[in-house]
Amino acid sequence: MSDTQQRIDSLVKSSDVVLFMKGSASFPMCGFSGRAIQILKACGVDPKSVTTVNVLDDDAIRQGIKEYSNWPTIPQLYVKGEFIGGSDIMMEMYESGELMQVLGTTS
């Protein structure tokens, strides 16, 4: 495992909810990242409790996360070390109620 992959792995496992995104929870820098934060809020998750990783700050992380998850787009949500998906998957899971179950929240 490369240094970047090890860094990503430790980030993913560092918190219960980790979101790799463009920007931050308070200042998303793309629509999909903003949507991911809004979905988490709708699920009853305090954005301050989410560990966000701004992929724009580190090109190695930006490319490496796509390899780590085998998923081509950002944002990427991880809950308890498990890859959940991007904003479209998050929306589908939110609408079905599955995302709140995974997060352990109720809206």
PDB file of N, CA and C in Angstrom:
ATOM      1  N   MET A   1       0.853  -1.184   0.000  1.00  0.00           N
ATOM      2  CA  MET A   1       0.000   0.000   0.000  1.00  0.00           C
ATOM      3  C   MET A   1       0.895   1.242   0.000  1.00  0.00           C
ATOM      4  N   SER A   2       0.618   2.187  -0.880  1.00  0.00           N
ATOM      5  CA  SER A   2       1.436   3.400  -0.974  1.00  0.00           C
ATOM      6  C   SER A   2       1.194   4.296   0.248  1.00  0.00           C
ATOM      7  N   ASP A   3       2.066   5.290   0.420  1.00  0.00           N
ATOM      8  CA  ASP A   3       1.914   6.241   1.524  1.00  0.00           C
ATOM      9  C   ASP A   3       0.559   6.935   1.453  1.00  0.00           C
ATOM     10  N   THR A   4       0.157   7.333   0.233  1.00  0.00           N
ATOM     11  CA  THR A   4      -1.133   8.014   0.067  1.00  0.00           C
ATOM     12  C   THR A   4      -2.273   7.089   0.459  1.00  0.00           C
ATOM     13  N   GLN A   5      -2.226   5.832   0.030  1.00  0.00           N
ATOM     14  CA  GLN A   5      -3.277   4.880   0.365  1.00  0.00           C
ATOM     15  C   GLN A   5      -3.331   4.637   1.877  1.00  0.00           C
ATOM     16  N   GLN A   6      -2.165   4.612   2.521  1.00  0.00           N
ATOM     17  CA  GLN A   6      -2.124   4.441   3.977  1.00  0.00           C
ATOM     18  C   GLN A   6      -2.721   5.657   4.674  1.00  0.00           C
ATOM     19  N   ARG A   7      -2.420   6.869   4.164  1.00  0.00           N
ATOM     20  CA  ARG A   7      -3.001   8.099   4.728  1.00  0.00           C
ATOM     21  C   ARG A   7      -4.521   8.076   4.590  1.00  0.00           C
ATOM     22  N   ILE A   8      -5.003   7.691   3.410  1.00  0.00           N
ATOM     23  CA  ILE A   8      -6.447   7.629   3.178  1.00  0.00           C
ATOM     24  C   ILE A   8      -7.080   6.599   4.106  1.00  0.00           C
ATOM     25  N   ASP A   9      -6.457   5.432   4.226  1.00  0.00           N
ATOM     26  CA  ASP A   9      -6.975   4.374   5.083  1.00  0.00           C
ATOM     27  C   ASP A   9      -7.089   4.849   6.530  1.00  0.00           C
ATOM     28  N   SER A  10      -6.081   5.554   7.013  1.00  0.00           N
ATOM     29  CA  SER A  10      -6.150   6.032   8.399  1.00  0.00           C
ATOM     30  C   SER A  10      -7.202   7.138   8.547  1.00  0.00           C
ATOM     31  N   LEU A  11      -7.385   7.974   7.516  1.00  0.00           N
ATOM     32  CA  LEU A  11      -8.448   8.988   7.555  1.00  0.00           C
ATOM     33  C   LEU A  11      -9.825   8.327   7.606  1.00  0.00           C
ATOM     34  N   VAL A  12     -10.032   7.332   6.751  1.00  0.00           N
ATOM     35  CA  VAL A  12     -11.320   6.628   6.681  1.00  0.00           C
ATOM     36  C   VAL A  12     -11.655   5.993   8.033  1.00  0.00           C
ATOM     37  N   LYS A  13     -10.642   5.496   8.712  1.00  0.00           N
ATOM     38  CA  LYS A  13     -10.867   4.795   9.978  1.00  0.00           C
ATOM     39  C   LYS A  13     -10.767   5.710  11.194  1.00  0.00           C
ATOM     40  N   SER A  14     -10.503   7.004  10.979  1.00  0.00           N
ATOM     41  CA  SER A  14     -10.282   7.938  12.090  1.00  0.00           C
ATOM     42  C   SER A  14     -11.571   8.403  12.749  1.00  0.00           C
ATOM     43  N   SER A  15     -12.678   8.366  12.047  1.00  0.00           N
ATOM     44  CA  SER A  15     -13.958   8.865  12.568  1.00  0.00           C
ATOM     45  C   SER A  15     -15.084   7.973  12.077  1.00  0.00           C
ATOM     46  N   ASP A  16     -16.226   8.085  12.747  1.00  0.00           N
ATOM     47  CA  ASP A  16     -17.389   7.304  12.327  1.00  0.00           C
ATOM     48  C   ASP A  16     -17.909   7.755  10.974  1.00  0.00           C
ATOM     49  N   VAL A  17     -17.897   9.077  10.717  1.00  0.00           N
ATOM     50  CA  VAL A  17     -18.415   9.616   9.457  1.00  0.00           C
ATOM     51  C   VAL A  17     -17.325  10.470   8.813  1.00  0.00           C
ATOM     52  N   VAL A  18     -16.869  10.041   7.639  1.00  0.00           N
ATOM     53  CA  VAL A  18     -15.816  10.762   6.907  1.00  0.00           C
ATOM     54  C   VAL A  18     -16.337  11.053   5.503  1.00  0.00           C
ATOM     55  N   LEU A  19     -16.216  12.319   5.098  1.00  0.00           N
ATOM     56  CA  LEU A  19     -16.653  12.720   3.768  1.00  0.00           C
ATOM     57  C   LEU A  19     -15.477  13.347   3.023  1.00  0.00           C
ATOM     58  N   PHE A  20     -15.062  12.695   1.948  1.00  0.00           N
ATOM     59  CA  PHE A  20     -14.065  13.267   1.049  1.00  0.00           C
ATOM     60  C   PHE A  20     -14.848  14.150   0.086  1.00  0.00           C
ATOM     61  N   MET A  21     -14.510  15.435   0.060  1.00  0.00           N
ATOM     62  CA  MET A  21     -15.313  16.383  -0.701  1.00  0.00           C
ATOM     63  C   MET A  21     -14.446  17.519  -1.239  1.00  0.00           C
ATOM     64  N   LYS A  22     -15.061  18.343  -2.065  1.00  0.00           N
ATOM     65  CA  LYS A  22     -14.403  19.555  -2.537  1.00  0.00           C
ATOM     66  C   LYS A  22     -14.872  20.689  -1.642  1.00  0.00           C
ATOM     67  N   GLY A  23     -13.932  21.262  -0.887  1.00  0.00           N
ATOM     68  CA  GLY A  23     -14.260  22.307   0.071  1.00  0.00           C
ATOM     69  C   GLY A  23     -14.443  21.722   1.459  1.00  0.00           C
ATOM     70  N   SER A  24     -15.243  22.422   2.269  1.00  0.00           N
ATOM     71  CA  SER A  24     -15.485  21.990   3.645  1.00  0.00           C
ATOM     72  C   SER A  24     -16.984  21.966   3.906  1.00  0.00           C
ATOM     73  N   ALA A  25     -17.372  21.455   5.063  1.00  0.00           N
ATOM     74  CA  ALA A  25     -18.797  21.390   5.400  1.00  0.00           C
ATOM     75  C   ALA A  25     -19.414  22.785   5.413  1.00  0.00           C
ATOM     76  N   SER A  26     -18.654  23.770   5.893  1.00  0.00           N
ATOM     77  CA  SER A  26     -19.199  25.127   5.961  1.00  0.00           C
ATOM     78  C   SER A  26     -19.063  25.881   4.637  1.00  0.00           C
ATOM     79  N   PHE A  27     -18.193  25.388   3.740  1.00  0.00           N
ATOM     80  CA  PHE A  27     -18.009  26.060   2.453  1.00  0.00           C
ATOM     81  C   PHE A  27     -17.731  25.038   1.353  1.00  0.00           C
ATOM     82  N   PRO A  28     -18.765  24.269   0.957  1.00  0.00           N
ATOM     83  CA  PRO A  28     -18.576  23.304  -0.129  1.00  0.00           C
ATOM     84  C   PRO A  28     -18.209  24.033  -1.420  1.00  0.00           C
ATOM     85  N   MET A  29     -17.318  23.436  -2.201  1.00  0.00           N
ATOM     86  CA  MET A  29     -16.848  24.104  -3.418  1.00  0.00           C
ATOM     87  C   MET A  29     -17.332  23.432  -4.696  1.00  0.00           C
ATOM     88  N   CYS A  30     -18.336  22.556  -4.574  1.00  0.00           N
ATOM     89  CA  CYS A  30     -19.033  22.047  -5.754  1.00  0.00           C
ATOM     90  C   CYS A  30     -20.432  21.633  -5.333  1.00  0.00           C
ATOM     91  N   GLY A  31     -21.325  21.584  -6.279  1.00  0.00           N
ATOM     92  CA  GLY A  31     -22.718  21.284  -5.980  1.00  0.00           C
ATOM     93  C   GLY A  31     -22.925  19.918  -5.354  1.00  0.00           C
ATOM     94  N   PHE A  32     -22.178  18.932  -5.842  1.00  0.00           N
ATOM     95  CA  PHE A  32     -22.345  17.570  -5.322  1.00  0.00           C
ATOM     96  C   PHE A  32     -21.872  17.472  -3.873  1.00  0.00           C
ATOM     97  N   SER A  33     -20.776  18.162  -3.551  1.00  0.00           N
ATOM     98  CA  SER A  33     -20.288  18.167  -2.169  1.00  0.00           C
ATOM     99  C   SER A  33     -21.290  18.882  -1.260  1.00  0.00           C
ATOM    100  N   GLY A  34     -21.849  19.987  -1.742  1.00  0.00           N
ATOM    101  CA  GLY A  34     -22.861  20.703  -0.978  1.00  0.00           C
ATOM    102  C   GLY A  34     -24.086  19.834  -0.739  1.00  0.00           C
ATOM    103  N   ARG A  35     -24.474  19.101  -1.763  1.00  0.00           N
ATOM    104  CA  ARG A  35     -25.627  18.203  -1.660  1.00  0.00           C
ATOM    105  C   ARG A  35     -25.360  17.106  -0.636  1.00  0.00           C
ATOM    106  N   ALA A  36     -24.149  16.572  -0.617  1.00  0.00           N
ATOM    107  CA  ALA A  36     -23.792  15.519   0.347  1.00  0.00           C
ATOM    108  C   ALA A  36     -23.930  16.041   1.781  1.00  0.00           C
ATOM    109  N   ILE A  37     -23.468  17.262   2.028  1.00  0.00           N
ATOM    110  CA  ILE A  37     -23.590  17.865   3.365  1.00  0.00           C
ATOM    111  C   ILE A  37     -25.062  18.052   3.722  1.00  0.00           C
ATOM    112  N   GLN A  38     -25.867  18.543   2.772  1.00  0.00           N
ATOM    113  CA  GLN A  38     -27.299  18.743   3.020  1.00  0.00           C
ATOM    114  C   GLN A  38     -28.002  17.417   3.341  1.00  0.00           C
ATOM    115  N   ILE A  39     -27.625  16.361   2.655  1.00  0.00           N
ATOM    116  CA  ILE A  39     -28.220  15.044   2.913  1.00  0.00           C
ATOM    117  C   ILE A  39     -27.865  14.588   4.333  1.00  0.00           C
ATOM    118  N   LEU A  40     -26.607  14.767   4.723  1.00  0.00           N
ATOM    119  CA  LEU A  40     -26.202  14.389   6.081  1.00  0.00           C
ATOM    120  C   LEU A  40     -26.984  15.192   7.115  1.00  0.00           C
ATOM    121  N   LYS A  41     -27.147  16.499   6.870  1.00  0.00           N
ATOM    122  CA  LYS A  41     -27.934  17.343   7.786  1.00  0.00           C
ATOM    123  C   LYS A  41     -29.369  16.830   7.873  1.00  0.00           C
ATOM    124  N   ALA A  42     -29.943  16.484   6.723  1.00  0.00           N
ATOM    125  CA  ALA A  42     -31.324  15.986   6.692  1.00  0.00           C
ATOM    126  C   ALA A  42     -31.462  14.676   7.460  1.00  0.00           C
ATOM    127  N   CYS A  43     -30.367  13.945   7.572  1.00  0.00           N
ATOM    128  CA  CYS A  43     -30.363  12.684   8.322  1.00  0.00           C
ATOM    129  C   CYS A  43     -30.157  12.912   9.819  1.00  0.00           C
ATOM    130  N   GLY A  44     -29.999  14.169  10.203  1.00  0.00           N
ATOM    131  CA  GLY A  44     -29.799  14.482  11.615  1.00  0.00           C
ATOM    132  C   GLY A  44     -28.358  14.458  12.065  1.00  0.00           C
ATOM    133  N   VAL A  45     -27.431  14.499  11.128  1.00  0.00           N
ATOM    134  CA  VAL A  45     -26.004  14.505  11.459  1.00  0.00           C
ATOM    135  C   VAL A  45     -25.533  15.951  11.552  1.00  0.00           C
ATOM    136  N   ASP A  46     -24.892  16.296  12.663  1.00  0.00           N
ATOM    137  CA  ASP A  46     -24.308  17.629  12.819  1.00  0.00           C
ATOM    138  C   ASP A  46     -23.071  17.695  11.928  1.00  0.00           C
ATOM    139  N   PRO A  47     -23.049  18.640  10.967  1.00  0.00           N
ATOM    140  CA  PRO A  47     -21.882  18.716  10.069  1.00  0.00           C
ATOM    141  C   PRO A  47     -20.557  18.870  10.811  1.00  0.00           C
ATOM    142  N   LYS A  48     -20.595  19.440  12.019  1.00  0.00           N
ATOM    143  CA  LYS A  48     -19.364  19.594  12.798  1.00  0.00           C
ATOM    144  C   LYS A  48     -18.834  18.249  13.283  1.00  0.00           C
ATOM    145  N   SER A  49     -19.707  17.240  13.321  1.00  0.00           N
ATOM    146  CA  SER A  49     -19.265  15.919  13.783  1.00  0.00           C
ATOM    147  C   SER A  49     -18.714  15.068  12.637  1.00  0.00           C
ATOM    148  N   VAL A  50     -18.831  15.582  11.418  1.00  0.00           N
ATOM    149  CA  VAL A  50     -18.345  14.859  10.241  1.00  0.00           C
ATOM    150  C   VAL A  50     -16.893  15.256   9.992  1.00  0.00           C
ATOM    151  N   THR A  51     -16.029  14.275   9.802  1.00  0.00           N
ATOM    152  CA  THR A  51     -14.662  14.566   9.392  1.00  0.00           C
ATOM    153  C   THR A  51     -14.693  14.768   7.886  1.00  0.00           C
ATOM    154  N   THR A  52     -14.373  15.991   7.453  1.00  0.00           N
ATOM    155  CA  THR A  52     -14.341  16.257   6.021  1.00  0.00           C
ATOM    156  C   THR A  52     -12.894  16.377   5.572  1.00  0.00           C
ATOM    157  N   VAL A  53     -12.635  15.872   4.384  1.00  0.00           N
ATOM    158  CA  VAL A  53     -11.301  15.936   3.795  1.00  0.00           C
ATOM    159  C   VAL A  53     -11.454  16.690   2.479  1.00  0.00           C
ATOM    160  N   ASN A  54     -10.844  17.880   2.421  1.00  0.00           N
ATOM    161  CA  ASN A  54     -10.922  18.696   1.214  1.00  0.00           C
ATOM    162  C   ASN A  54      -9.906  18.180   0.202  1.00  0.00           C
ATOM    163  N   VAL A  55     -10.398  17.503  -0.832  1.00  0.00           N
ATOM    164  CA  VAL A  55      -9.506  16.906  -1.824  1.00  0.00           C
ATOM    165  C   VAL A  55      -8.806  17.963  -2.676  1.00  0.00           C
ATOM    166  N   LEU A  56      -9.311  19.201  -2.648  1.00  0.00           N
ATOM    167  CA  LEU A  56      -8.660  20.274  -3.417  1.00  0.00           C
ATOM    168  C   LEU A  56      -7.350  20.705  -2.771  1.00  0.00           C
ATOM    169  N   ASP A  57      -7.169  20.381  -1.489  1.00  0.00           N
ATOM    170  CA  ASP A  57      -5.945  20.746  -0.773  1.00  0.00           C
ATOM    171  C   ASP A  57      -4.779  19.805  -1.052  1.00  0.00           C
ATOM    172  N   ASP A  58      -5.073  18.627  -1.593  1.00  0.00           N
ATOM    173  CA  ASP A  58      -4.027  17.607  -1.738  1.00  0.00           C
ATOM    174  C   ASP A  58      -4.330  16.747  -2.960  1.00  0.00           C
ATOM    175  N   ASP A  59      -3.564  16.962  -4.020  1.00  0.00           N
ATOM    176  CA  ASP A  59      -3.830  16.249  -5.270  1.00  0.00           C
ATOM    177  C   ASP A  59      -3.607  14.743  -5.126  1.00  0.00           C
ATOM    178  N   ALA A  60      -2.681  14.338  -4.267  1.00  0.00           N
ATOM    179  CA  ALA A  60      -2.434  12.905  -4.057  1.00  0.00           C
ATOM    180  C   ALA A  60      -3.668  12.249  -3.446  1.00  0.00           C
ATOM    181  N   ILE A  61      -4.291  12.931  -2.492  1.00  0.00           N
ATOM    182  CA  ILE A  61      -5.528  12.413  -1.881  1.00  0.00           C
ATOM    183  C   ILE A  61      -6.651  12.430  -2.914  1.00  0.00           C
ATOM    184  N   ARG A  62      -6.718  13.501  -3.701  1.00  0.00           N
ATOM    185  CA  ARG A  62      -7.786  13.636  -4.704  1.00  0.00           C
ATOM    186  C   ARG A  62      -7.778  12.474  -5.690  1.00  0.00           C
ATOM    187  N   GLN A  63      -6.594  12.078  -6.141  1.00  0.00           N
ATOM    188  CA  GLN A  63      -6.491  10.943  -7.058  1.00  0.00           C
ATOM    189  C   GLN A  63      -6.547   9.615  -6.309  1.00  0.00           C
ATOM    190  N   GLY A  64      -5.890   9.590  -5.164  1.00  0.00           N
ATOM    191  CA  GLY A  64      -5.768   8.344  -4.401  1.00  0.00           C
ATOM    192  C   GLY A  64      -7.089   7.819  -3.876  1.00  0.00           C
ATOM    193  N   ILE A  65      -8.012   8.718  -3.514  1.00  0.00           N
ATOM    194  CA  ILE A  65      -9.293   8.263  -2.957  1.00  0.00           C
ATOM    195  C   ILE A  65     -10.088   7.512  -4.016  1.00  0.00           C
ATOM    196  N   LYS A  66      -9.925   7.898  -5.272  1.00  0.00           N
ATOM    197  CA  LYS A  66     -10.640   7.224  -6.365  1.00  0.00           C
ATOM    198  C   LYS A  66     -10.136   5.790  -6.528  1.00  0.00           C
ATOM    199  N   GLU A  67      -8.839   5.600  -6.312  1.00  0.00           N
ATOM    200  CA  GLU A  67      -8.260   4.261  -6.382  1.00  0.00           C
ATOM    201  C   GLU A  67      -8.629   3.455  -5.135  1.00  0.00           C
ATOM    202  N   TYR A  68      -8.601   4.122  -3.993  1.00  0.00           N
ATOM    203  CA  TYR A  68      -8.886   3.457  -2.711  1.00  0.00           C
ATOM    204  C   TYR A  68     -10.278   2.825  -2.729  1.00  0.00           C
ATOM    205  N   SER A  69     -11.249   3.578  -3.230  1.00  0.00           N
ATOM    206  CA  SER A  69     -12.640   3.114  -3.218  1.00  0.00           C
ATOM    207  C   SER A  69     -13.053   2.420  -4.512  1.00  0.00           C
ATOM    208  N   ASN A  70     -12.218   2.578  -5.539  1.00  0.00           N
ATOM    209  CA  ASN A  70     -12.587   2.117  -6.881  1.00  0.00           C
ATOM    210  C   ASN A  70     -13.875   2.812  -7.335  1.00  0.00           C
ATOM    211  N   TRP A  71     -13.971   4.094  -7.017  1.00  0.00           N
ATOM    212  CA  TRP A  71     -15.136   4.922  -7.342  1.00  0.00           C
ATOM    213  C   TRP A  71     -14.609   6.195  -7.991  1.00  0.00           C
ATOM    214  N   PRO A  72     -15.103   6.573  -9.162  1.00  0.00           N
ATOM    215  CA  PRO A  72     -14.450   7.635  -9.937  1.00  0.00           C
ATOM    216  C   PRO A  72     -14.762   9.071  -9.533  1.00  0.00           C
ATOM    217  N   THR A  73     -15.758   9.281  -8.671  1.00  0.00           N
ATOM    218  CA  THR A  73     -16.175  10.657  -8.408  1.00  0.00           C
ATOM    219  C   THR A  73     -16.042  11.038  -6.943  1.00  0.00           C
ATOM    220  N   ILE A  74     -16.104  12.352  -6.716  1.00  0.00           N
ATOM    221  CA  ILE A  74     -16.075  12.941  -5.384  1.00  0.00           C
ATOM    222  C   ILE A  74     -17.332  13.794  -5.297  1.00  0.00           C
ATOM    223  N   PRO A  75     -18.054  13.808  -4.200  1.00  0.00           N
ATOM    224  CA  PRO A  75     -17.697  13.343  -2.858  1.00  0.00           C
ATOM    225  C   PRO A  75     -17.828  11.829  -2.676  1.00  0.00           C
ATOM    226  N   GLN A  76     -17.200  11.383  -1.587  1.00  0.00           N
ATOM    227  CA  GLN A  76     -17.292   9.979  -1.185  1.00  0.00           C
ATOM    228  C   GLN A  76     -17.523   9.931   0.322  1.00  0.00           C
ATOM    229  N   LEU A  77     -18.554   9.191   0.710  1.00  0.00           N
ATOM    230  CA  LEU A  77     -18.913   9.067   2.121  1.00  0.00           C
ATOM    231  C   LEU A  77     -18.488   7.705   2.661  1.00  0.00           C
ATOM    232  N   TYR A  78     -17.880   7.733   3.845  1.00  0.00           N
ATOM    233  CA  TYR A  78     -17.514   6.520   4.572  1.00  0.00           C
ATOM    234  C   TYR A  78     -18.161   6.582   5.947  1.00  0.00           C
ATOM    235  N   VAL A  79     -18.794   5.498   6.354  1.00  0.00           N
ATOM    236  CA  VAL A  79     -19.378   5.406   7.687  1.00  0.00           C
ATOM    237  C   VAL A  79     -18.781   4.182   8.368  1.00  0.00           C
ATOM    238  N   LYS A  80     -18.144   4.445   9.507  1.00  0.00           N
ATOM    239  CA  LYS A  80     -17.478   3.383  10.284  1.00  0.00           C
ATOM    240  C   LYS A  80     -16.526   2.570   9.405  1.00  0.00           C
ATOM    241  N   GLY A  81     -15.772   3.268   8.555  1.00  0.00           N
ATOM    242  CA  GLY A  81     -14.760   2.629   7.725  1.00  0.00           C
ATOM    243  C   GLY A  81     -15.286   2.002   6.453  1.00  0.00           C
ATOM    244  N   GLU A  82     -16.612   2.021   6.255  1.00  0.00           N
ATOM    245  CA  GLU A  82     -17.205   1.379   5.087  1.00  0.00           C
ATOM    246  C   GLU A  82     -17.599   2.422   4.047  1.00  0.00           C
ATOM    247  N   PHE A  83     -17.213   2.175   2.798  1.00  0.00           N
ATOM    248  CA  PHE A  83     -17.568   3.072   1.697  1.00  0.00           C
ATOM    249  C   PHE A  83     -19.068   2.999   1.436  1.00  0.00           C
ATOM    250  N   ILE A  84     -19.720   4.151   1.437  1.00  0.00           N
ATOM    251  CA  ILE A  84     -21.165   4.213   1.193  1.00  0.00           C
ATOM    252  C   ILE A  84     -21.444   4.598  -0.257  1.00  0.00           C
ATOM    253  N   GLY A  85     -20.821   5.682  -0.724  1.00  0.00           N
ATOM    254  CA  GLY A  85     -21.028   6.111  -2.105  1.00  0.00           C
ATOM    255  C   GLY A  85     -20.910   7.615  -2.235  1.00  0.00           C
ATOM    256  N   GLY A  86     -21.299   8.096  -3.416  1.00  0.00           N
ATOM    257  CA  GLY A  86     -21.290   9.520  -3.698  1.00  0.00           C
ATOM    258  C   GLY A  86     -22.646  10.139  -3.414  1.00  0.00           C
ATOM    259  N   SER A  87     -22.843  11.379  -3.871  1.00  0.00           N
ATOM    260  CA  SER A  87     -24.068  12.101  -3.515  1.00  0.00           C
ATOM    261  C   SER A  87     -25.324  11.449  -4.095  1.00  0.00           C
ATOM    262  N   ASP A  88     -25.244  10.850  -5.281  1.00  0.00           N
ATOM    263  CA  ASP A  88     -26.428  10.197  -5.855  1.00  0.00           C
ATOM    264  C   ASP A  88     -26.853   8.983  -5.019  1.00  0.00           C
ATOM    265  N   ILE A  89     -25.871   8.175  -4.636  1.00  0.00           N
ATOM    266  CA  ILE A  89     -26.154   7.000  -3.791  1.00  0.00           C
ATOM    267  C   ILE A  89     -26.684   7.464  -2.429  1.00  0.00           C
ATOM    268  N   MET A  90     -26.054   8.532  -1.892  1.00  0.00           N
ATOM    269  CA  MET A  90     -26.514   9.062  -0.606  1.00  0.00           C
ATOM    270  C   MET A  90     -27.976   9.487  -0.702  1.00  0.00           C
ATOM    271  N   MET A  91     -28.356  10.142  -1.803  1.00  0.00           N
ATOM    272  CA  MET A  91     -29.736  10.610  -1.974  1.00  0.00           C
ATOM    273  C   MET A  91     -30.698   9.420  -2.054  1.00  0.00           C
ATOM    274  N   GLU A  92     -30.322   8.407  -2.824  1.00  0.00           N
ATOM    275  CA  GLU A  92     -31.176   7.215  -2.919  1.00  0.00           C
ATOM    276  C   GLU A  92     -31.344   6.555  -1.551  1.00  0.00           C
ATOM    277  N   MET A  93     -30.250   6.449  -0.814  1.00  0.00           N
ATOM    278  CA  MET A  93     -30.306   5.813   0.507  1.00  0.00           C
ATOM    279  C   MET A  93     -31.093   6.672   1.494  1.00  0.00           C
ATOM    280  N   TYR A  94     -30.982   7.998   1.363  1.00  0.00           N
ATOM    281  CA  TYR A  94     -31.739   8.908   2.217  1.00  0.00           C
ATOM    282  C   TYR A  94     -33.239   8.732   1.954  1.00  0.00           C
ATOM    283  N   GLU A  95     -33.608   8.720   0.673  1.00  0.00           N
ATOM    284  CA  GLU A  95     -35.021   8.618   0.304  1.00  0.00           C
ATOM    285  C   GLU A  95     -35.639   7.290   0.763  1.00  0.00           C
ATOM    286  N   SER A  96     -34.845   6.234   0.803  1.00  0.00           N
ATOM    287  CA  SER A  96     -35.366   4.927   1.235  1.00  0.00           C
ATOM    288  C   SER A  96     -35.301   4.750   2.757  1.00  0.00           C
ATOM    289  N   GLY A  97     -34.622   5.673   3.440  1.00  0.00           N
ATOM    290  CA  GLY A  97     -34.455   5.555   4.883  1.00  0.00           C
ATOM    291  C   GLY A  97     -33.231   4.754   5.292  1.00  0.00           C
ATOM    292  N   GLU A  98     -32.559   4.176   4.303  1.00  0.00           N
ATOM    293  CA  GLU A  98     -31.410   3.318   4.587  1.00  0.00           C
ATOM    294  C   GLU A  98     -30.219   4.098   5.149  1.00  0.00           C
ATOM    295  N   LEU A  99     -30.035   5.332   4.675  1.00  0.00           N
ATOM    296  CA  LEU A  99     -28.875   6.109   5.123  1.00  0.00           C
ATOM    297  C   LEU A  99     -28.972   6.426   6.611  1.00  0.00           C
ATOM    298  N   MET A 100     -30.172   6.742   7.096  1.00  0.00           N
ATOM    299  CA  MET A 100     -30.337   7.010   8.528  1.00  0.00           C
ATOM    300  C   MET A 100     -30.031   5.768   9.353  1.00  0.00           C
ATOM    301  N   GLN A 101     -30.381   4.603   8.827  1.00  0.00           N
ATOM    302  CA  GLN A 101     -30.058   3.350   9.532  1.00  0.00           C
ATOM    303  C   GLN A 101     -28.547   3.158   9.607  1.00  0.00           C
ATOM    304  N   VAL A 102     -27.864   3.391   8.483  1.00  0.00           N
ATOM    305  CA  VAL A 102     -26.410   3.231   8.456  1.00  0.00           C
ATOM    306  C   VAL A 102     -25.744   4.222   9.415  1.00  0.00           C
ATOM    307  N   LEU A 103     -26.266   5.450   9.439  1.00  0.00           N
ATOM    308  CA  LEU A 103     -25.697   6.490  10.295  1.00  0.00           C
ATOM    309  C   LEU A 103     -26.120   6.356  11.756  1.00  0.00           C
ATOM    310  N   GLY A 104     -27.197   5.584  11.992  1.00  0.00           N
ATOM    311  CA  GLY A 104     -27.705   5.441  13.347  1.00  0.00           C
ATOM    312  C   GLY A 104     -28.432   6.678  13.823  1.00  0.00           C
ATOM    313  N   THR A 105     -29.087   7.389  12.908  1.00  0.00           N
ATOM    314  CA  THR A 105     -29.818   8.612  13.245  1.00  0.00           C
ATOM    315  C   THR A 105     -31.284   8.468  12.859  1.00  0.00           C
ATOM    316  N   THR A 106     -32.073   9.377  13.343  1.00  0.00           N
ATOM    317  CA  THR A 106     -33.449   9.505  12.865  1.00  0.00           C
ATOM    318  C   THR A 106     -33.670  10.961  12.510  1.00  0.00           C
ATOM    319  N   SER A 107     -34.360  11.206  11.434  1.00  0.00           N
ATOM    320  CA  SER A 107     -34.561  12.597  11.013  1.00  0.00           C
ATOM    321  C   SER A 107     -35.755  13.196  11.727  1.00  0.00           C
TER     322      SER A 107
END
